[in-house]
Amino acid sequence: MSPLFWVLVAVVVALVAAGVAAWMYREKRRTEALADRFGPEYGRAIGEYGDRSRAEAELEARVQRVEAFDIRPLSSEQQSRFAREWRSVQARFVDDPGGAVADADALVQQAMAERGYPIEDFERRAADLSVDHPHVVDNYRVAHDIARRSREGEASTEQLRKAMVYYRSLFEELLEAHAGQTAEVTR
């Protein structure tokens, strides 16, 4: 075998190794980017889909789906109206915790709809929210489950209180409440 043959073999091996290394680097960067973007939702997706590649494919599909929506910020008038409605729902909690939680669930859906999120199916709604609000979407799932159990008469007052806290965290993000506006929503 000639030295030229061995040089060609070495070049081919080096190119294959470089290609594999580049692919591994891209996959690692993709994983890191998705984990950073989705935070705790990334781990939840891996648990739900059973492996990293299926979970990452689902998360990327969510991003593409949500990018096709016309998500828009609320106007200051809409923010004020929703903040007033939230205060009313929150005040109602003392006398009717279950009703207040049901109203909070409905108010979150209304805010989502006005922002441009589809609201037909809860699981799809939560998945869509995870793209822009990954740090509160799990709380939203818990709150929604508590609201469902409340309708069935199976939620304690403490659970209903937690649901209100969870709804409020998502609600504040949907309103894009900042320092001055947050006080208006939570009072």
C-alpha atoms as a PDB file:
ATOM      1  CA  MET A   1       0.000   0.000   0.000  1.00  0.00           C
ATOM      2  CA  SER A   2       1.319   3.323  -1.009  1.00  0.00           C
ATOM      3  CA  PRO A   3       1.800   6.267   1.353  1.00  0.00           C
ATOM      4  CA  LEU A   4      -0.765   8.191  -0.705  1.00  0.00           C
ATOM      5  CA  PHE A   5      -3.376   5.563   0.175  1.00  0.00           C
ATOM      6  CA  TRP A   6      -2.672   5.973   3.890  1.00  0.00           C
ATOM      7  CA  VAL A   7      -2.802   9.756   3.565  1.00  0.00           C
ATOM      8  CA  LEU A   8      -6.192   9.491   1.865  1.00  0.00           C
ATOM      9  CA  VAL A   9      -7.431   7.100   4.562  1.00  0.00           C
ATOM     10  CA  ALA A  10      -6.222   9.496   7.242  1.00  0.00           C
ATOM     11  CA  VAL A  11      -7.951  12.430   5.516  1.00  0.00           C
ATOM     12  CA  VAL A  12     -11.222  10.484   5.203  1.00  0.00           C
ATOM     13  CA  VAL A  13     -11.053   9.410   8.843  1.00  0.00           C
ATOM     14  CA  ALA A  14     -10.314  13.001   9.893  1.00  0.00           C
ATOM     15  CA  LEU A  15     -13.242  14.315   7.829  1.00  0.00           C
ATOM     16  CA  VAL A  16     -15.606  11.719   9.277  1.00  0.00           C
ATOM     17  CA  ALA A  17     -14.399  12.493  12.799  1.00  0.00           C
ATOM     18  CA  ALA A  18     -14.811  16.229  12.178  1.00  0.00           C
ATOM     19  CA  GLY A  19     -18.310  15.651  10.835  1.00  0.00           C
ATOM     20  CA  VAL A  20     -19.272  13.558  13.846  1.00  0.00           C
ATOM     21  CA  ALA A  21     -17.779  16.149  16.202  1.00  0.00           C
ATOM     22  CA  ALA A  22     -19.665  18.961  14.426  1.00  0.00           C
ATOM     23  CA  TRP A  23     -22.925  17.006  14.594  1.00  0.00           C
ATOM     24  CA  MET A  24     -22.413  16.277  18.295  1.00  0.00           C
ATOM     25  CA  TYR A  25     -21.645  19.943  18.957  1.00  0.00           C
ATOM     26  CA  ARG A  26     -24.815  21.072  17.112  1.00  0.00           C
ATOM     27  CA  GLU A  27     -26.915  18.551  19.039  1.00  0.00           C
ATOM     28  CA  LYS A  28     -25.411  19.684  22.332  1.00  0.00           C
ATOM     29  CA  ARG A  29     -26.080  23.351  21.480  1.00  0.00           C
ATOM     30  CA  ARG A  30     -29.645  22.496  20.409  1.00  0.00           C
ATOM     31  CA  THR A  31     -30.251  20.679  23.687  1.00  0.00           C
ATOM     32  CA  GLU A  32     -28.775  23.548  25.707  1.00  0.00           C
ATOM     33  CA  ALA A  33     -30.846  26.125  23.812  1.00  0.00           C
ATOM     34  CA  LEU A  34     -34.072  24.193  24.349  1.00  0.00           C
ATOM     35  CA  ALA A  35     -33.281  23.542  28.018  1.00  0.00           C
ATOM     36  CA  ASP A  36     -32.547  27.251  28.520  1.00  0.00           C
ATOM     37  CA  ARG A  37     -35.676  28.367  26.693  1.00  0.00           C
ATOM     38  CA  PHE A  38     -38.071  25.920  28.323  1.00  0.00           C
ATOM     39  CA  GLY A  39     -36.554  25.691  31.797  1.00  0.00           C
ATOM     40  CA  PRO A  40     -38.485  23.198  33.944  1.00  0.00           C
ATOM     41  CA  GLU A  41     -40.765  22.374  31.006  1.00  0.00           C
ATOM     42  CA  TYR A  42     -37.789  20.764  29.249  1.00  0.00           C
ATOM     43  CA  GLY A  43     -37.444  18.120  31.978  1.00  0.00           C
ATOM     44  CA  ARG A  44     -41.198  17.613  32.075  1.00  0.00           C
ATOM     45  CA  ALA A  45     -41.245  16.993  28.311  1.00  0.00           C
ATOM     46  CA  ILE A  46     -38.461  14.403  28.582  1.00  0.00           C
ATOM     47  CA  GLY A  47     -40.437  12.633  31.303  1.00  0.00           C
ATOM     48  CA  GLU A  48     -43.616  12.761  29.240  1.00  0.00           C
ATOM     49  CA  TYR A  49     -42.111  11.639  25.914  1.00  0.00           C
ATOM     50  CA  GLY A  50     -39.669   9.124  27.341  1.00  0.00           C
ATOM     51  CA  ASP A  51     -36.512  10.262  25.589  1.00  0.00           C
ATOM     52  CA  ARG A  52     -34.618  13.413  24.786  1.00  0.00           C
ATOM     53  CA  SER A  53     -34.946  13.380  21.001  1.00  0.00           C
ATOM     54  CA  ARG A  54     -38.746  12.928  21.026  1.00  0.00           C
ATOM     55  CA  ALA A  55     -39.125  15.591  23.719  1.00  0.00           C
ATOM     56  CA  GLU A  56     -36.918  18.040  21.835  1.00  0.00           C
ATOM     57  CA  ALA A  57     -38.835  17.417  18.608  1.00  0.00           C
ATOM     58  CA  GLU A  58     -42.087  18.206  20.447  1.00  0.00           C
ATOM     59  CA  LEU A  59     -40.646  21.372  22.002  1.00  0.00           C
ATOM     60  CA  GLU A  60     -39.393  22.554  18.608  1.00  0.00           C
ATOM     61  CA  ALA A  61     -42.832  21.827  17.109  1.00  0.00           C
ATOM     62  CA  ARG A  62     -44.391  23.967  19.864  1.00  0.00           C
ATOM     63  CA  VAL A  63     -42.071  26.842  19.011  1.00  0.00           C
ATOM     64  CA  GLN A  64     -42.979  26.616  15.322  1.00  0.00           C
ATOM     65  CA  ARG A  65     -46.696  26.409  16.110  1.00  0.00           C
ATOM     66  CA  VAL A  66     -46.622  29.403  18.470  1.00  0.00           C
ATOM     67  CA  GLU A  67     -44.526  31.463  16.054  1.00  0.00           C
ATOM     68  CA  ALA A  68     -47.422  31.140  13.586  1.00  0.00           C
ATOM     69  CA  PHE A  69     -49.849  32.737  16.095  1.00  0.00           C
ATOM     70  CA  ASP A  70     -50.469  36.450  16.239  1.00  0.00           C
ATOM     71  CA  ILE A  71     -49.370  36.845  19.879  1.00  0.00           C
ATOM     72  CA  ARG A  72     -49.661  40.468  20.875  1.00  0.00           C
ATOM     73  CA  PRO A  73     -49.297  42.481  24.051  1.00  0.00           C
ATOM     74  CA  LEU A  74     -52.384  43.799  25.764  1.00  0.00           C
ATOM     75  CA  SER A  75     -53.101  47.486  25.513  1.00  0.00           C
ATOM     76  CA  SER A  76     -52.921  49.509  28.712  1.00  0.00           C
ATOM     77  CA  GLU A  77     -56.737  49.667  28.703  1.00  0.00           C
ATOM     78  CA  GLN A  78     -56.938  45.877  28.445  1.00  0.00           C
ATOM     79  CA  GLN A  79     -54.341  45.490  31.195  1.00  0.00           C
ATOM     80  CA  SER A  80     -56.306  47.826  33.462  1.00  0.00           C
ATOM     81  CA  ARG A  81     -59.582  46.039  32.751  1.00  0.00           C
ATOM     82  CA  PHE A  82     -58.060  42.632  33.444  1.00  0.00           C
ATOM     83  CA  ALA A  83     -56.384  43.929  36.627  1.00  0.00           C
ATOM     84  CA  ARG A  84     -59.767  45.205  37.889  1.00  0.00           C
ATOM     85  CA  GLU A  85     -61.404  41.890  37.047  1.00  0.00           C
ATOM     86  CA  TRP A  86     -58.603  40.020  38.828  1.00  0.00           C
ATOM     87  CA  ARG A  87     -59.053  42.098  41.984  1.00  0.00           C
ATOM     88  CA  SER A  88     -62.770  41.299  41.896  1.00  0.00           C
ATOM     89  CA  VAL A  89     -62.099  37.568  41.505  1.00  0.00           C
ATOM     90  CA  GLN A  90     -59.495  37.630  44.261  1.00  0.00           C
ATOM     91  CA  ALA A  91     -61.834  39.501  46.641  1.00  0.00           C
ATOM     92  CA  ARG A  92     -64.511  36.881  45.995  1.00  0.00           C
ATOM     93  CA  PHE A  93     -62.207  34.123  47.288  1.00  0.00           C
ATOM     94  CA  VAL A  94     -63.077  34.741  50.956  1.00  0.00           C
ATOM     95  CA  ASP A  95     -66.780  34.052  50.453  1.00  0.00           C
ATOM     96  CA  ASP A  96     -66.616  31.559  47.570  1.00  0.00           C
ATOM     97  CA  PRO A  97     -63.183  29.968  47.098  1.00  0.00           C
ATOM     98  CA  GLY A  98     -64.350  27.449  44.489  1.00  0.00           C
ATOM     99  CA  GLY A  99     -66.195  30.070  42.481  1.00  0.00           C
ATOM    100  CA  ALA A 100     -63.220  32.415  42.633  1.00  0.00           C
ATOM    101  CA  VAL A 101     -60.905  29.691  41.317  1.00  0.00           C
ATOM    102  CA  ALA A 102     -63.328  28.910  38.479  1.00  0.00           C
ATOM    103  CA  ASP A 103     -63.475  32.627  37.652  1.00  0.00           C
ATOM    104  CA  ALA A 104     -59.660  32.876  37.795  1.00  0.00           C
ATOM    105  CA  ASP A 105     -59.406  29.989  35.329  1.00  0.00           C
ATOM    106  CA  ALA A 106     -61.864  31.710  32.991  1.00  0.00           C
ATOM    107  CA  LEU A 107     -60.093  35.061  33.342  1.00  0.00           C
ATOM    108  CA  VAL A 108     -56.729  33.508  32.438  1.00  0.00           C
ATOM    109  CA  GLN A 109     -58.352  31.993  29.343  1.00  0.00           C
ATOM    110  CA  GLN A 110     -59.817  35.375  28.385  1.00  0.00           C
ATOM    111  CA  ALA A 111     -56.423  37.056  28.749  1.00  0.00           C
ATOM    112  CA  MET A 112     -54.831  34.307  26.658  1.00  0.00           C
ATOM    113  CA  ALA A 113     -57.448  34.723  23.941  1.00  0.00           C
ATOM    114  CA  GLU A 114     -56.974  38.488  23.825  1.00  0.00           C
ATOM    115  CA  ARG A 115     -53.202  37.982  23.571  1.00  0.00           C
ATOM    116  CA  GLY A 116     -53.782  35.688  20.564  1.00  0.00           C
ATOM    117  CA  TYR A 117     -53.344  32.203  22.019  1.00  0.00           C
ATOM    118  CA  PRO A 118     -55.823  29.525  20.908  1.00  0.00           C
ATOM    119  CA  ILE A 119     -57.796  28.327  23.938  1.00  0.00           C
ATOM    120  CA  GLU A 120     -59.867  25.388  22.698  1.00  0.00           C
ATOM    121  CA  ASP A 121     -58.038  22.484  24.365  1.00  0.00           C
ATOM    122  CA  PHE A 122     -56.372  22.711  27.787  1.00  0.00           C
ATOM    123  CA  GLU A 123     -53.385  20.461  27.007  1.00  0.00           C
ATOM    124  CA  ARG A 124     -52.666  22.368  23.796  1.00  0.00           C
ATOM    125  CA  ARG A 125     -53.155  25.660  25.647  1.00  0.00           C
ATOM    126  CA  ALA A 126     -50.596  24.638  28.284  1.00  0.00           C
ATOM    127  CA  ALA A 127     -48.156  23.424  25.627  1.00  0.00           C
ATOM    128  CA  ASP A 128     -48.484  26.703  23.716  1.00  0.00           C
ATOM    129  CA  LEU A 129     -47.980  28.713  26.893  1.00  0.00           C
ATOM    130  CA  SER A 130     -44.812  26.768  27.659  1.00  0.00           C
ATOM    131  CA  VAL A 131     -43.088  28.436  24.713  1.00  0.00           C
ATOM    132  CA  ASP A 132     -43.408  31.962  26.112  1.00  0.00           C
ATOM    133  CA  HIS A 133     -44.069  31.273  29.807  1.00  0.00           C
ATOM    134  CA  PRO A 134     -42.145  28.093  30.690  1.00  0.00           C
ATOM    135  CA  HIS A 135     -41.585  28.961  34.344  1.00  0.00           C
ATOM    136  CA  VAL A 136     -45.280  29.263  35.223  1.00  0.00           C
ATOM    137  CA  VAL A 137     -46.926  26.739  32.914  1.00  0.00           C
ATOM    138  CA  ASP A 138     -46.576  23.849  35.368  1.00  0.00           C
ATOM    139  CA  ASN A 139     -48.281  25.979  38.027  1.00  0.00           C
ATOM    140  CA  TYR A 140     -51.029  26.616  35.485  1.00  0.00           C
ATOM    141  CA  ARG A 141     -51.491  22.867  35.030  1.00  0.00           C
ATOM    142  CA  VAL A 142     -51.711  22.369  38.796  1.00  0.00           C
ATOM    143  CA  ALA A 143     -54.160  25.275  39.210  1.00  0.00           C
ATOM    144  CA  HIS A 144     -56.340  23.974  36.383  1.00  0.00           C
ATOM    145  CA  ASP A 145     -56.382  20.507  37.965  1.00  0.00           C
ATOM    146  CA  ILE A 146     -57.379  22.004  41.313  1.00  0.00           C
ATOM    147  CA  ALA A 147     -60.178  23.929  39.560  1.00  0.00           C
ATOM    148  CA  ARG A 148     -61.386  20.666  38.009  1.00  0.00           C
ATOM    149  CA  ARG A 149     -61.285  18.886  41.386  1.00  0.00           C
ATOM    150  CA  SER A 150     -63.115  21.824  42.960  1.00  0.00           C
ATOM    151  CA  ARG A 151     -65.976  21.407  40.470  1.00  0.00           C
ATOM    152  CA  GLU A 152     -66.146  17.788  41.625  1.00  0.00           C
ATOM    153  CA  GLY A 153     -66.128  18.852  45.289  1.00  0.00           C
ATOM    154  CA  GLU A 154     -62.695  17.332  45.935  1.00  0.00           C
ATOM    155  CA  ALA A 155     -60.447  20.369  46.606  1.00  0.00           C
ATOM    156  CA  SER A 156     -59.606  21.769  50.020  1.00  0.00           C
ATOM    157  CA  THR A 157     -59.575  25.473  50.788  1.00  0.00           C
ATOM    158  CA  GLU A 158     -55.764  25.353  51.002  1.00  0.00           C
ATOM    159  CA  GLN A 159     -55.572  23.766  47.556  1.00  0.00           C
ATOM    160  CA  LEU A 160     -57.912  26.450  46.218  1.00  0.00           C
ATOM    161  CA  ARG A 161     -55.680  29.126  47.743  1.00  0.00           C
ATOM    162  CA  LYS A 162     -52.664  27.600  45.988  1.00  0.00           C
ATOM    163  CA  ALA A 163     -54.603  27.567  42.724  1.00  0.00           C
ATOM    164  CA  MET A 164     -55.263  31.297  43.081  1.00  0.00           C
ATOM    165  CA  VAL A 165     -51.564  31.950  43.691  1.00  0.00           C
ATOM    166  CA  TYR A 166     -50.643  29.856  40.639  1.00  0.00           C
ATOM    167  CA  TYR A 167     -53.245  31.534  38.438  1.00  0.00           C
ATOM    168  CA  ARG A 168     -52.007  34.933  39.578  1.00  0.00           C
ATOM    169  CA  SER A 169     -48.411  34.174  38.569  1.00  0.00           C
ATOM    170  CA  LEU A 170     -49.493  33.264  35.036  1.00  0.00           C
ATOM    171  CA  PHE A 171     -52.021  36.090  34.914  1.00  0.00           C
ATOM    172  CA  GLU A 172     -49.316  38.636  35.763  1.00  0.00           C
ATOM    173  CA  GLU A 173     -47.131  37.318  32.953  1.00  0.00           C
ATOM    174  CA  LEU A 174     -50.022  37.389  30.496  1.00  0.00           C
ATOM    175  CA  LEU A 175     -50.696  40.996  31.416  1.00  0.00           C
ATOM    176  CA  GLU A 176     -46.970  41.644  31.067  1.00  0.00           C
ATOM    177  CA  ALA A 177     -47.195  43.326  34.446  1.00  0.00           C
ATOM    178  CA  HIS A 178     -44.060  45.151  35.414  1.00  0.00           C
ATOM    179  CA  ALA A 179     -43.115  46.764  38.710  1.00  0.00           C
ATOM    180  CA  GLY A 180     -45.833  49.427  38.831  1.00  0.00           C
ATOM    181  CA  GLN A 181     -48.527  47.303  37.267  1.00  0.00           C
ATOM    182  CA  THR A 182     -47.872  44.209  39.372  1.00  0.00           C
ATOM    183  CA  ALA A 183     -49.072  46.000  42.495  1.00  0.00           C
ATOM    184  CA  GLU A 184     -52.330  46.833  40.729  1.00  0.00           C
ATOM    185  CA  VAL A 185     -52.934  43.165  39.805  1.00  0.00           C
ATOM    186  CA  THR A 186     -52.117  41.689  43.208  1.00  0.00           C
ATOM    187  CA  ARG A 187     -53.803  44.140  45.541  1.00  0.00           C
END
